[in-house]
């Protein structure tokens, strides 16, 4: 959504299907005219 600088948002990602096969989940972002970039990642096996 739209938020002012300094504000907060919470994004959700719901997974379905072969969720037992998932090893890690991550977030990427892409601004107009820029390459997709890594934001963060959660290792589901170790919690790192």
ModelCIF file with pLDDT and N, C-alpha, C, O atoms, coordinates in Angstrom:
data_MODEL
#
_entry.id   MODEL 
#
_entity.id                         1 
_entity.type                       polymer 
_entity.pdbx_number_of_molecules   1 
#
_entity_poly.entity_id                      1 
_entity_poly.type                           'polypeptide(L)' 
_entity_poly.nstd_linkage                   no 
_entity_poly.nstd_monomer                   no 
_entity_poly.pdbx_seq_one_letter_code       
;(UNK)(UNK)(UNK)(UNK)(UNK)(UNK)(UNK)(UNK)(UNK)(UNK)(UNK)(UNK)(UNK)(UNK)(UNK)(UNK)
(UNK)(UNK)(UNK)(UNK)(UNK)(UNK)(UNK)(UNK)(UNK)(UNK)(UNK)(UNK)(UNK)(UNK)(UNK)(UNK)
(UNK)(UNK)(UNK)(UNK)(UNK)(UNK)(UNK)(UNK)(UNK)(UNK)(UNK)(UNK)(UNK)(UNK)(UNK)(UNK)
;
_entity_poly.pdbx_seq_one_letter_code_can   XXXXXXXXXXXXXXXXXXXXXXXXXXXXXXXXXXXXXXXXXXXXXXXX 
_entity_poly.pdbx_strand_id                 A 
#
loop_
_entity_poly_seq.entity_id 
_entity_poly_seq.num 
_entity_poly_seq.mon_id 
_entity_poly_seq.hetero 
1 1  UNK n 
1 2  UNK n 
1 3  UNK n 
1 4  UNK n 
1 5  UNK n 
1 6  UNK n 
1 7  UNK n 
1 8  UNK n 
1 9  UNK n 
1 10 UNK n 
1 11 UNK n 
1 12 UNK n 
1 13 UNK n 
1 14 UNK n 
1 15 UNK n 
1 16 UNK n 
1 17 UNK n 
1 18 UNK n 
1 19 UNK n 
1 20 UNK n 
1 21 UNK n 
1 22 UNK n 
1 23 UNK n 
1 24 UNK n 
1 25 UNK n 
1 26 UNK n 
1 27 UNK n 
1 28 UNK n 
1 29 UNK n 
1 30 UNK n 
1 31 UNK n 
1 32 UNK n 
1 33 UNK n 
1 34 UNK n 
1 35 UNK n 
1 36 UNK n 
1 37 UNK n 
1 38 UNK n 
1 39 UNK n 
1 40 UNK n 
1 41 UNK n 
1 42 UNK n 
1 43 UNK n 
1 44 UNK n 
1 45 UNK n 
1 46 UNK n 
1 47 UNK n 
1 48 UNK n 
#
_struct_asym.id          A 
_struct_asym.entity_id   1 
#
loop_
_ma_qa_metric.id 
_ma_qa_metric.mode 
_ma_qa_metric.name 
_ma_qa_metric.software_group_id 
_ma_qa_metric.type 
1 global pLDDT . pLDDT 
2 local  pLDDT . pLDDT 
#
_ma_qa_metric_global.metric_id      1 
_ma_qa_metric_global.metric_value   95.60 
_ma_qa_metric_global.model_id       1 
_ma_qa_metric_global.ordinal_id     1 
#
loop_
_ma_qa_metric_local.label_asym_id 
_ma_qa_metric_local.label_comp_id 
_ma_qa_metric_local.label_seq_id 
_ma_qa_metric_local.metric_id 
_ma_qa_metric_local.metric_value 
_ma_qa_metric_local.model_id 
_ma_qa_metric_local.ordinal_id 
A UNK 1  2 97.00 1 1  
A UNK 2  2 98.00 1 2  
A UNK 3  2 98.00 1 3  
A UNK 4  2 98.00 1 4  
A UNK 5  2 98.00 1 5  
A UNK 6  2 98.00 1 6  
A UNK 7  2 98.00 1 7  
A UNK 8  2 98.00 1 8  
A UNK 9  2 98.00 1 9  
A UNK 10 2 98.00 1 10 
A UNK 11 2 98.00 1 11 
A UNK 12 2 97.00 1 12 
A UNK 13 2 97.00 1 13 
A UNK 14 2 97.00 1 14 
A UNK 15 2 97.00 1 15 
A UNK 16 2 96.00 1 16 
A UNK 17 2 96.00 1 17 
A UNK 18 2 95.00 1 18 
A UNK 19 2 93.00 1 19 
A UNK 20 2 93.00 1 20 
A UNK 21 2 94.00 1 21 
A UNK 22 2 94.00 1 22 
A UNK 23 2 93.00 1 23 
A UNK 24 2 95.00 1 24 
A UNK 25 2 95.00 1 25 
A UNK 26 2 95.00 1 26 
A UNK 27 2 97.00 1 27 
A UNK 28 2 98.00 1 28 
A UNK 29 2 98.00 1 29 
A UNK 30 2 98.00 1 30 
A UNK 31 2 96.00 1 31 
A UNK 32 2 91.00 1 32 
A UNK 33 2 94.00 1 33 
A UNK 34 2 96.00 1 34 
A UNK 35 2 96.00 1 35 
A UNK 36 2 96.00 1 36 
A UNK 37 2 97.00 1 37 
A UNK 38 2 97.00 1 38 
A UNK 39 2 97.00 1 39 
A UNK 40 2 95.00 1 40 
A UNK 41 2 95.00 1 41 
A UNK 42 2 94.00 1 42 
A UNK 43 2 93.00 1 43 
A UNK 44 2 92.00 1 44 
A UNK 45 2 90.00 1 45 
A UNK 46 2 91.00 1 46 
A UNK 47 2 91.00 1 47 
A UNK 48 2 93.00 1 48 
#
loop_
_atom_site.group_PDB 
_atom_site.id 
_atom_site.type_symbol 
_atom_site.label_atom_id 
_atom_site.label_alt_id 
_atom_site.label_comp_id 
_atom_site.label_asym_id 
_atom_site.label_entity_id 
_atom_site.label_seq_id 
_atom_site.pdbx_PDB_ins_code 
_atom_site.Cartn_x 
_atom_site.Cartn_y 
_atom_site.Cartn_z 
_atom_site.occupancy 
_atom_site.B_iso_or_equiv 
_atom_site.pdbx_formal_charge 
_atom_site.auth_seq_id 
_atom_site.auth_comp_id 
_atom_site.auth_asym_id 
_atom_site.auth_atom_id 
_atom_site.pdbx_PDB_model_num 
ATOM 1   N N  . UNK A 1 1  ? 0.811  -1.198  0.000   1.00 97.00 ? 1  UNK A N  1 
ATOM 2   C CA . UNK A 1 1  ? 0.000  0.000   0.000   1.00 97.00 ? 1  UNK A CA 1 
ATOM 3   C C  . UNK A 1 1  ? 0.847  1.252   0.000   1.00 97.00 ? 1  UNK A C  1 
ATOM 4   O O  . UNK A 1 1  ? 2.050  1.212   -0.257  1.00 97.00 ? 1  UNK A O  1 
ATOM 5   N N  . UNK A 1 2  ? 0.200  2.362   0.292   1.00 98.00 ? 2  UNK A N  1 
ATOM 6   C CA . UNK A 1 2  ? 0.852  3.666   0.329   1.00 98.00 ? 2  UNK A CA 1 
ATOM 7   C C  . UNK A 1 2  ? 1.037  4.084   1.784   1.00 98.00 ? 2  UNK A C  1 
ATOM 8   O O  . UNK A 1 2  ? 0.104  4.019   2.584   1.00 98.00 ? 2  UNK A O  1 
ATOM 9   N N  . UNK A 1 3  ? 2.247  4.511   2.114   1.00 98.00 ? 3  UNK A N  1 
ATOM 10  C CA . UNK A 1 3  ? 2.544  4.918   3.478   1.00 98.00 ? 3  UNK A CA 1 
ATOM 11  C C  . UNK A 1 3  ? 3.497  6.104   3.447   1.00 98.00 ? 3  UNK A C  1 
ATOM 12  O O  . UNK A 1 3  ? 4.277  6.255   2.507   1.00 98.00 ? 3  UNK A O  1 
ATOM 13  N N  . UNK A 1 4  ? 3.437  6.922   4.449   1.00 98.00 ? 4  UNK A N  1 
ATOM 14  C CA . UNK A 1 4  ? 4.351  8.057   4.532   1.00 98.00 ? 4  UNK A CA 1 
ATOM 15  C C  . UNK A 1 4  ? 5.708  7.604   5.065   1.00 98.00 ? 4  UNK A C  1 
ATOM 16  O O  . UNK A 1 4  ? 5.812  6.601   5.771   1.00 98.00 ? 4  UNK A O  1 
ATOM 17  N N  . UNK A 1 5  ? 6.719  8.348   4.719   1.00 98.00 ? 5  UNK A N  1 
ATOM 18  C CA . UNK A 1 5  ? 8.058  8.052   5.221   1.00 98.00 ? 5  UNK A CA 1 
ATOM 19  C C  . UNK A 1 5  ? 8.048  8.014   6.745   1.00 98.00 ? 5  UNK A C  1 
ATOM 20  O O  . UNK A 1 5  ? 7.442  8.859   7.403   1.00 98.00 ? 5  UNK A O  1 
ATOM 21  N N  . UNK A 1 6  ? 8.736  7.011   7.286   1.00 98.00 ? 6  UNK A N  1 
ATOM 22  C CA . UNK A 1 6  ? 8.755  6.820   8.721   1.00 98.00 ? 6  UNK A CA 1 
ATOM 23  C C  . UNK A 1 6  ? 7.690  5.872   9.221   1.00 98.00 ? 6  UNK A C  1 
ATOM 24  O O  . UNK A 1 6  ? 7.717  5.451   10.377  1.00 98.00 ? 6  UNK A O  1 
ATOM 25  N N  . UNK A 1 7  ? 6.749  5.534   8.349   1.00 98.00 ? 7  UNK A N  1 
ATOM 26  C CA . UNK A 1 7  ? 5.666  4.650   8.727   1.00 98.00 ? 7  UNK A CA 1 
ATOM 27  C C  . UNK A 1 7  ? 6.033  3.180   8.620   1.00 98.00 ? 7  UNK A C  1 
ATOM 28  O O  . UNK A 1 7  ? 7.183  2.826   8.356   1.00 98.00 ? 7  UNK A O  1 
ATOM 29  N N  . UNK A 1 8  ? 5.035  2.329   8.829   1.00 98.00 ? 8  UNK A N  1 
ATOM 30  C CA . UNK A 1 8  ? 5.244  0.882   8.843   1.00 98.00 ? 8  UNK A CA 1 
ATOM 31  C C  . UNK A 1 8  ? 4.207  0.175   7.986   1.00 98.00 ? 8  UNK A C  1 
ATOM 32  O O  . UNK A 1 8  ? 3.099  0.668   7.779   1.00 98.00 ? 8  UNK A O  1 
ATOM 33  N N  . UNK A 1 9  ? 4.593  -0.980  7.501   1.00 98.00 ? 9  UNK A N  1 
ATOM 34  C CA . UNK A 1 9  ? 3.699  -1.873  6.778   1.00 98.00 ? 9  UNK A CA 1 
ATOM 35  C C  . UNK A 1 9  ? 4.093  -3.302  7.108   1.00 98.00 ? 9  UNK A C  1 
ATOM 36  O O  . UNK A 1 9  ? 5.249  -3.582  7.424   1.00 98.00 ? 9  UNK A O  1 
ATOM 37  N N  . UNK A 1 10 ? 3.122  -4.201  7.032   1.00 98.00 ? 10 UNK A N  1 
ATOM 38  C CA . UNK A 1 10 ? 3.435  -5.622  7.175   1.00 98.00 ? 10 UNK A CA 1 
ATOM 39  C C  . UNK A 1 10 ? 2.916  -6.360  5.952   1.00 98.00 ? 10 UNK A C  1 
ATOM 40  O O  . UNK A 1 10 ? 1.724  -6.324  5.645   1.00 98.00 ? 10 UNK A O  1 
ATOM 41  N N  . UNK A 1 11 ? 3.816  -7.020  5.270   1.00 98.00 ? 11 UNK A N  1 
ATOM 42  C CA . UNK A 1 11 ? 3.462  -7.828  4.125   1.00 98.00 ? 11 UNK A CA 1 
ATOM 43  C C  . UNK A 1 11 ? 3.303  -9.288  4.558   1.00 98.00 ? 11 UNK A C  1 
ATOM 44  O O  . UNK A 1 11 ? 3.974  -9.758  5.477   1.00 98.00 ? 11 UNK A O  1 
ATOM 45  N N  . UNK A 1 12 ? 2.407  -9.983  3.878   1.00 97.00 ? 12 UNK A N  1 
ATOM 46  C CA . UNK A 1 12 ? 2.199  -11.406 4.131   1.00 97.00 ? 12 UNK A CA 1 
ATOM 47  C C  . UNK A 1 12 ? 2.456  -12.195 2.869   1.00 97.00 ? 12 UNK A C  1 
ATOM 48  O O  . UNK A 1 12 ? 2.238  -11.708 1.760   1.00 97.00 ? 12 UNK A O  1 
ATOM 49  N N  . UNK A 1 13 ? 2.922  -13.419 3.047   1.00 97.00 ? 13 UNK A N  1 
ATOM 50  C CA . UNK A 1 13 ? 3.123  -14.333 1.933   1.00 97.00 ? 13 UNK A CA 1 
ATOM 51  C C  . UNK A 1 13 ? 2.565  -15.686 2.356   1.00 97.00 ? 13 UNK A C  1 
ATOM 52  O O  . UNK A 1 13 ? 3.140  -16.365 3.207   1.00 97.00 ? 13 UNK A O  1 
ATOM 53  N N  . UNK A 1 14 ? 1.454  -16.069 1.762   1.00 97.00 ? 14 UNK A N  1 
ATOM 54  C CA . UNK A 1 14 ? 0.814  -17.339 2.085   1.00 97.00 ? 14 UNK A CA 1 
ATOM 55  C C  . UNK A 1 14 ? 1.248  -18.398 1.087   1.00 97.00 ? 14 UNK A C  1 
ATOM 56  O O  . UNK A 1 14 ? 1.139  -18.206 -0.124  1.00 97.00 ? 14 UNK A O  1 
ATOM 57  N N  . UNK A 1 15 ? 1.741  -19.518 1.605   1.00 97.00 ? 15 UNK A N  1 
ATOM 58  C CA . UNK A 1 15 ? 2.211  -20.609 0.751   1.00 97.00 ? 15 UNK A CA 1 
ATOM 59  C C  . UNK A 1 15 ? 1.217  -21.751 0.781   1.00 97.00 ? 15 UNK A C  1 
ATOM 60  O O  . UNK A 1 15 ? 0.584  -22.024 1.801   1.00 97.00 ? 15 UNK A O  1 
ATOM 61  N N  . UNK A 1 16 ? 1.092  -22.413 -0.360  1.00 96.00 ? 16 UNK A N  1 
ATOM 62  C CA . UNK A 1 16 ? 0.231  -23.598 -0.450  1.00 96.00 ? 16 UNK A CA 1 
ATOM 63  C C  . UNK A 1 16 ? 0.870  -24.582 -1.421  1.00 96.00 ? 16 UNK A C  1 
ATOM 64  O O  . UNK A 1 16 ? 1.835  -24.255 -2.113  1.00 96.00 ? 16 UNK A O  1 
ATOM 65  N N  . UNK A 1 17 ? 0.320  -25.790 -1.463  1.00 96.00 ? 17 UNK A N  1 
ATOM 66  C CA . UNK A 1 17 ? 0.875  -26.828 -2.316  1.00 96.00 ? 17 UNK A CA 1 
ATOM 67  C C  . UNK A 1 17 ? 1.906  -27.641 -1.561  1.00 96.00 ? 17 UNK A C  1 
ATOM 68  O O  . UNK A 1 17 ? 1.671  -28.046 -0.423  1.00 96.00 ? 17 UNK A O  1 
ATOM 69  N N  . UNK A 1 18 ? 3.073  -27.888 -2.201  1.00 95.00 ? 18 UNK A N  1 
ATOM 70  C CA . UNK A 1 18 ? 4.109  -28.729 -1.602  1.00 95.00 ? 18 UNK A CA 1 
ATOM 71  C C  . UNK A 1 18 ? 4.942  -27.941 -0.598  1.00 95.00 ? 18 UNK A C  1 
ATOM 72  O O  . UNK A 1 18 ? 6.148  -27.764 -0.774  1.00 95.00 ? 18 UNK A O  1 
ATOM 73  N N  . UNK A 1 19 ? 4.286  -27.478 0.446   1.00 93.00 ? 19 UNK A N  1 
ATOM 74  C CA . UNK A 1 19 ? 5.000  -26.673 1.445   1.00 93.00 ? 19 UNK A CA 1 
ATOM 75  C C  . UNK A 1 19 ? 6.027  -27.500 2.211   1.00 93.00 ? 19 UNK A C  1 
ATOM 76  O O  . UNK A 1 19 ? 6.955  -26.944 2.799   1.00 93.00 ? 19 UNK A O  1 
ATOM 77  N N  . UNK A 1 20 ? 5.871  -28.812 2.210   1.00 93.00 ? 20 UNK A N  1 
ATOM 78  C CA . UNK A 1 20 ? 6.835  -29.663 2.905   1.00 93.00 ? 20 UNK A CA 1 
ATOM 79  C C  . UNK A 1 20 ? 8.174  -29.698 2.184   1.00 93.00 ? 20 UNK A C  1 
ATOM 80  O O  . UNK A 1 20 ? 9.176  -30.133 2.751   1.00 93.00 ? 20 UNK A O  1 
ATOM 81  N N  . UNK A 1 21 ? 8.193  -29.240 0.936   1.00 94.00 ? 21 UNK A N  1 
ATOM 82  C CA . UNK A 1 21 ? 9.433  -29.223 0.166   1.00 94.00 ? 21 UNK A CA 1 
ATOM 83  C C  . UNK A 1 21 ? 10.209 -27.914 0.314   1.00 94.00 ? 21 UNK A C  1 
ATOM 84  O O  . UNK A 1 21 ? 11.317 -27.786 -0.208  1.00 94.00 ? 21 UNK A O  1 
ATOM 85  N N  . UNK A 1 22 ? 9.632  -26.946 1.021   1.00 94.00 ? 22 UNK A N  1 
ATOM 86  C CA . UNK A 1 22 ? 10.258 -25.627 1.124   1.00 94.00 ? 22 UNK A CA 1 
ATOM 87  C C  . UNK A 1 22 ? 11.476 -25.667 2.036   1.00 94.00 ? 22 UNK A C  1 
ATOM 88  O O  . UNK A 1 22 ? 11.430 -26.253 3.118   1.00 94.00 ? 22 UNK A O  1 
ATOM 89  N N  . UNK A 1 23 ? 12.549 -25.053 1.603   1.00 93.00 ? 23 UNK A N  1 
ATOM 90  C CA . UNK A 1 23 ? 13.785 -24.986 2.378   1.00 93.00 ? 23 UNK A CA 1 
ATOM 91  C C  . UNK A 1 23 ? 14.023 -23.587 2.931   1.00 93.00 ? 23 UNK A C  1 
ATOM 92  O O  . UNK A 1 23 ? 14.500 -23.430 4.054   1.00 93.00 ? 23 UNK A O  1 
ATOM 93  N N  . UNK A 1 24 ? 13.694 -22.590 2.153   1.00 95.00 ? 24 UNK A N  1 
ATOM 94  C CA . UNK A 1 24 ? 13.865 -21.202 2.597   1.00 95.00 ? 24 UNK A CA 1 
ATOM 95  C C  . UNK A 1 24 ? 12.837 -20.330 1.916   1.00 95.00 ? 24 UNK A C  1 
ATOM 96  O O  . UNK A 1 24 ? 12.382 -20.626 0.810   1.00 95.00 ? 24 UNK A O  1 
ATOM 97  N N  . UNK A 1 25 ? 12.480 -19.268 2.578   1.00 95.00 ? 25 UNK A N  1 
ATOM 98  C CA . UNK A 1 25 ? 11.568 -18.280 2.011   1.00 95.00 ? 25 UNK A CA 1 
ATOM 99  C C  . UNK A 1 25 ? 12.258 -16.927 2.061   1.00 95.00 ? 25 UNK A C  1 
ATOM 100 O O  . UNK A 1 25 ? 12.949 -16.594 3.024   1.00 95.00 ? 25 UNK A O  1 
ATOM 101 N N  . UNK A 1 26 ? 12.055 -16.167 1.014   1.00 95.00 ? 26 UNK A N  1 
ATOM 102 C CA . UNK A 1 26 ? 12.714 -14.874 0.969   1.00 95.00 ? 26 UNK A CA 1 
ATOM 103 C C  . UNK A 1 26 ? 11.822 -13.795 0.400   1.00 95.00 ? 26 UNK A C  1 
ATOM 104 O O  . UNK A 1 26 ? 10.751 -14.062 -0.145  1.00 95.00 ? 26 UNK A O  1 
ATOM 105 N N  . UNK A 1 27 ? 12.292 -12.573 0.541   1.00 97.00 ? 27 UNK A N  1 
ATOM 106 C CA . UNK A 1 27 ? 11.626 -11.408 -0.058  1.00 97.00 ? 27 UNK A CA 1 
ATOM 107 C C  . UNK A 1 27 ? 12.623 -10.680 -0.950  1.00 97.00 ? 27 UNK A C  1 
ATOM 108 O O  . UNK A 1 27 ? 13.782 -10.473 -0.591  1.00 97.00 ? 27 UNK A O  1 
ATOM 109 N N  . UNK A 1 28 ? 12.139 -10.307 -2.103  1.00 98.00 ? 28 UNK A N  1 
ATOM 110 C CA . UNK A 1 28 ? 12.886 -9.475  -3.041  1.00 98.00 ? 28 UNK A CA 1 
ATOM 111 C C  . UNK A 1 28 ? 12.025 -8.263  -3.369  1.00 98.00 ? 28 UNK A C  1 
ATOM 112 O O  . UNK A 1 28 ? 10.823 -8.246  -3.105  1.00 98.00 ? 28 UNK A O  1 
ATOM 113 N N  . UNK A 1 29 ? 12.655 -7.260  -3.943  1.00 98.00 ? 29 UNK A N  1 
ATOM 114 C CA . UNK A 1 29 ? 11.888 -6.095  -4.392  1.00 98.00 ? 29 UNK A CA 1 
ATOM 115 C C  . UNK A 1 29 ? 12.466 -5.573  -5.690  1.00 98.00 ? 29 UNK A C  1 
ATOM 116 O O  . UNK A 1 29 ? 13.640 -5.770  -6.000  1.00 98.00 ? 29 UNK A O  1 
ATOM 117 N N  . UNK A 1 30 ? 11.615 -4.907  -6.431  1.00 98.00 ? 30 UNK A N  1 
ATOM 118 C CA . UNK A 1 30 ? 12.039 -4.350  -7.717  1.00 98.00 ? 30 UNK A CA 1 
ATOM 119 C C  . UNK A 1 30 ? 11.381 -3.003  -7.934  1.00 98.00 ? 30 UNK A C  1 
ATOM 120 O O  . UNK A 1 30 ? 10.157 -2.893  -8.000  1.00 98.00 ? 30 UNK A O  1 
ATOM 121 N N  . UNK A 1 31 ? 12.210 -1.985  -8.042  1.00 96.00 ? 31 UNK A N  1 
ATOM 122 C CA . UNK A 1 31 ? 11.732 -0.642  -8.337  1.00 96.00 ? 31 UNK A CA 1 
ATOM 123 C C  . UNK A 1 31 ? 11.729 -0.437  -9.856  1.00 96.00 ? 31 UNK A C  1 
ATOM 124 O O  . UNK A 1 31 ? 12.459 -1.125  -10.570 1.00 96.00 ? 31 UNK A O  1 
ATOM 125 N N  . UNK A 1 32 ? 10.927 0.487   -10.348 1.00 91.00 ? 32 UNK A N  1 
ATOM 126 C CA . UNK A 1 32 ? 10.879 0.733   -11.803 1.00 91.00 ? 32 UNK A CA 1 
ATOM 127 C C  . UNK A 1 32 ? 12.255 1.059   -12.358 1.00 91.00 ? 32 UNK A C  1 
ATOM 128 O O  . UNK A 1 32 ? 12.970 1.909   -11.827 1.00 91.00 ? 32 UNK A O  1 
ATOM 129 N N  . UNK A 1 33 ? 12.616 0.372   -13.433 1.00 94.00 ? 33 UNK A N  1 
ATOM 130 C CA . UNK A 1 33 ? 13.899 0.628   -14.082 1.00 94.00 ? 33 UNK A CA 1 
ATOM 131 C C  . UNK A 1 33 ? 15.089 0.013   -13.389 1.00 94.00 ? 33 UNK A C  1 
ATOM 132 O O  . UNK A 1 33 ? 16.224 0.218   -13.818 1.00 94.00 ? 33 UNK A O  1 
ATOM 133 N N  . UNK A 1 34 ? 14.861 -0.732  -12.330 1.00 96.00 ? 34 UNK A N  1 
ATOM 134 C CA . UNK A 1 34 ? 15.972 -1.342  -11.594 1.00 96.00 ? 34 UNK A CA 1 
ATOM 135 C C  . UNK A 1 34 ? 15.834 -2.860  -11.575 1.00 96.00 ? 34 UNK A C  1 
ATOM 136 O O  . UNK A 1 34 ? 14.760 -3.409  -11.821 1.00 96.00 ? 34 UNK A O  1 
ATOM 137 N N  . UNK A 1 35 ? 16.954 -3.523  -11.275 1.00 96.00 ? 35 UNK A N  1 
ATOM 138 C CA . UNK A 1 35 ? 16.919 -4.964  -11.180 1.00 96.00 ? 35 UNK A CA 1 
ATOM 139 C C  . UNK A 1 35 ? 16.272 -5.397  -9.867  1.00 96.00 ? 35 UNK A C  1 
ATOM 140 O O  . UNK A 1 35 ? 16.222 -4.650  -8.890  1.00 96.00 ? 35 UNK A O  1 
ATOM 141 N N  . UNK A 1 36 ? 15.776 -6.637  -9.886  1.00 96.00 ? 36 UNK A N  1 
ATOM 142 C CA . UNK A 1 36 ? 15.210 -7.184  -8.671  1.00 96.00 ? 36 UNK A CA 1 
ATOM 143 C C  . UNK A 1 36 ? 16.335 -7.378  -7.657  1.00 96.00 ? 36 UNK A C  1 
ATOM 144 O O  . UNK A 1 36 ? 17.405 -7.886  -7.995  1.00 96.00 ? 36 UNK A O  1 
ATOM 145 N N  . UNK A 1 37 ? 16.087 -6.972  -6.422  1.00 97.00 ? 37 UNK A N  1 
ATOM 146 C CA . UNK A 1 37 ? 17.129 -7.060  -5.408  1.00 97.00 ? 37 UNK A CA 1 
ATOM 147 C C  . UNK A 1 37 ? 16.650 -7.824  -4.183  1.00 97.00 ? 37 UNK A C  1 
ATOM 148 O O  . UNK A 1 37 ? 15.474 -7.804  -3.820  1.00 97.00 ? 37 UNK A O  1 
ATOM 149 N N  . UNK A 1 38 ? 17.604 -8.494  -3.568  1.00 97.00 ? 38 UNK A N  1 
ATOM 150 C CA . UNK A 1 38 ? 17.358 -9.272  -2.369  1.00 97.00 ? 38 UNK A CA 1 
ATOM 151 C C  . UNK A 1 38 ? 17.047 -8.350  -1.201  1.00 97.00 ? 38 UNK A C  1 
ATOM 152 O O  . UNK A 1 38 ? 17.666 -7.298  -1.040  1.00 97.00 ? 38 UNK A O  1 
ATOM 153 N N  . UNK A 1 39 ? 16.073 -8.760  -0.386  1.00 97.00 ? 39 UNK A N  1 
ATOM 154 C CA . UNK A 1 39 ? 15.729 -7.997  0.818   1.00 97.00 ? 39 UNK A CA 1 
ATOM 155 C C  . UNK A 1 39 ? 16.093 -8.793  2.060   1.00 97.00 ? 39 UNK A C  1 
ATOM 156 O O  . UNK A 1 39 ? 16.907 -8.352  2.872   1.00 97.00 ? 39 UNK A O  1 
ATOM 157 N N  . UNK A 1 40 ? 15.480 -9.982  2.209   1.00 95.00 ? 40 UNK A N  1 
ATOM 158 C CA . UNK A 1 40 ? 15.838 -10.840 3.322   1.00 95.00 ? 40 UNK A CA 1 
ATOM 159 C C  . UNK A 1 40 ? 15.336 -12.250 3.075   1.00 95.00 ? 40 UNK A C  1 
ATOM 160 O O  . UNK A 1 40 ? 14.538 -12.502 2.171   1.00 95.00 ? 40 UNK A O  1 
ATOM 161 N N  . UNK A 1 41 ? 15.826 -13.164 3.903   1.00 95.00 ? 41 UNK A N  1 
ATOM 162 C CA . UNK A 1 41 ? 15.565 -14.577 3.713   1.00 95.00 ? 41 UNK A CA 1 
ATOM 163 C C  . UNK A 1 41 ? 15.499 -15.284 5.065   1.00 95.00 ? 41 UNK A C  1 
ATOM 164 O O  . UNK A 1 41 ? 16.221 -14.935 5.999   1.00 95.00 ? 41 UNK A O  1 
ATOM 165 N N  . UNK A 1 42 ? 14.624 -16.280 5.152   1.00 94.00 ? 42 UNK A N  1 
ATOM 166 C CA . UNK A 1 42 ? 14.485 -17.117 6.335   1.00 94.00 ? 42 UNK A CA 1 
ATOM 167 C C  . UNK A 1 42 ? 14.762 -18.566 5.957   1.00 94.00 ? 42 UNK A C  1 
ATOM 168 O O  . UNK A 1 42 ? 14.076 -19.129 5.105   1.00 94.00 ? 42 UNK A O  1 
ATOM 169 N N  . UNK A 1 43 ? 15.763 -19.171 6.587   1.00 93.00 ? 43 UNK A N  1 
ATOM 170 C CA . UNK A 1 43 ? 16.025 -20.598 6.396   1.00 93.00 ? 43 UNK A CA 1 
ATOM 171 C C  . UNK A 1 43 ? 15.045 -21.362 7.271   1.00 93.00 ? 43 UNK A C  1 
ATOM 172 O O  . UNK A 1 43 ? 15.094 -21.260 8.497   1.00 93.00 ? 43 UNK A O  1 
ATOM 173 N N  . UNK A 1 44 ? 14.167 -22.118 6.657   1.00 92.00 ? 44 UNK A N  1 
ATOM 174 C CA . UNK A 1 44 ? 13.102 -22.794 7.395   1.00 92.00 ? 44 UNK A CA 1 
ATOM 175 C C  . UNK A 1 44 ? 13.627 -23.981 8.200   1.00 92.00 ? 44 UNK A C  1 
ATOM 176 O O  . UNK A 1 44 ? 13.004 -24.392 9.178   1.00 92.00 ? 44 UNK A O  1 
ATOM 177 N N  . UNK A 1 45 ? 14.760 -24.526 7.793   1.00 90.00 ? 45 UNK A N  1 
ATOM 178 C CA . UNK A 1 45 ? 15.288 -25.684 8.495   1.00 90.00 ? 45 UNK A CA 1 
ATOM 179 C C  . UNK A 1 45 ? 15.998 -25.280 9.779   1.00 90.00 ? 45 UNK A C  1 
ATOM 180 O O  . UNK A 1 45 ? 15.850 -25.941 10.806  1.00 90.00 ? 45 UNK A O  1 
ATOM 181 N N  . UNK A 1 46 ? 16.771 -24.192 9.725   1.00 91.00 ? 46 UNK A N  1 
ATOM 182 C CA . UNK A 1 46 ? 17.575 -23.787 10.872  1.00 91.00 ? 46 UNK A CA 1 
ATOM 183 C C  . UNK A 1 46 ? 17.083 -22.508 11.553  1.00 91.00 ? 46 UNK A C  1 
ATOM 184 O O  . UNK A 1 46 ? 17.549 -22.151 12.636  1.00 91.00 ? 46 UNK A O  1 
ATOM 185 N N  . UNK A 1 47 ? 16.147 -21.830 10.911  1.00 91.00 ? 47 UNK A N  1 
ATOM 186 C CA . UNK A 1 47 ? 15.624 -20.599 11.504  1.00 91.00 ? 47 UNK A CA 1 
ATOM 187 C C  . UNK A 1 47 ? 16.525 -19.397 11.355  1.00 91.00 ? 47 UNK A C  1 
ATOM 188 O O  . UNK A 1 47 ? 16.244 -18.344 11.928  1.00 91.00 ? 47 UNK A O  1 
ATOM 189 N N  . UNK A 1 48 ? 17.595 -19.524 10.604  1.00 93.00 ? 48 UNK A N  1 
ATOM 190 C CA . UNK A 1 48 ? 18.520 -18.413 10.430  1.00 93.00 ? 48 UNK A CA 1 
ATOM 191 C C  . UNK A 1 48 ? 17.967 -17.426 9.404   1.00 93.00 ? 48 UNK A C  1 
ATOM 192 O O  . UNK A 1 48 ? 18.605 -16.414 9.115   1.00 93.00 ? 48 UNK A O  1 
#
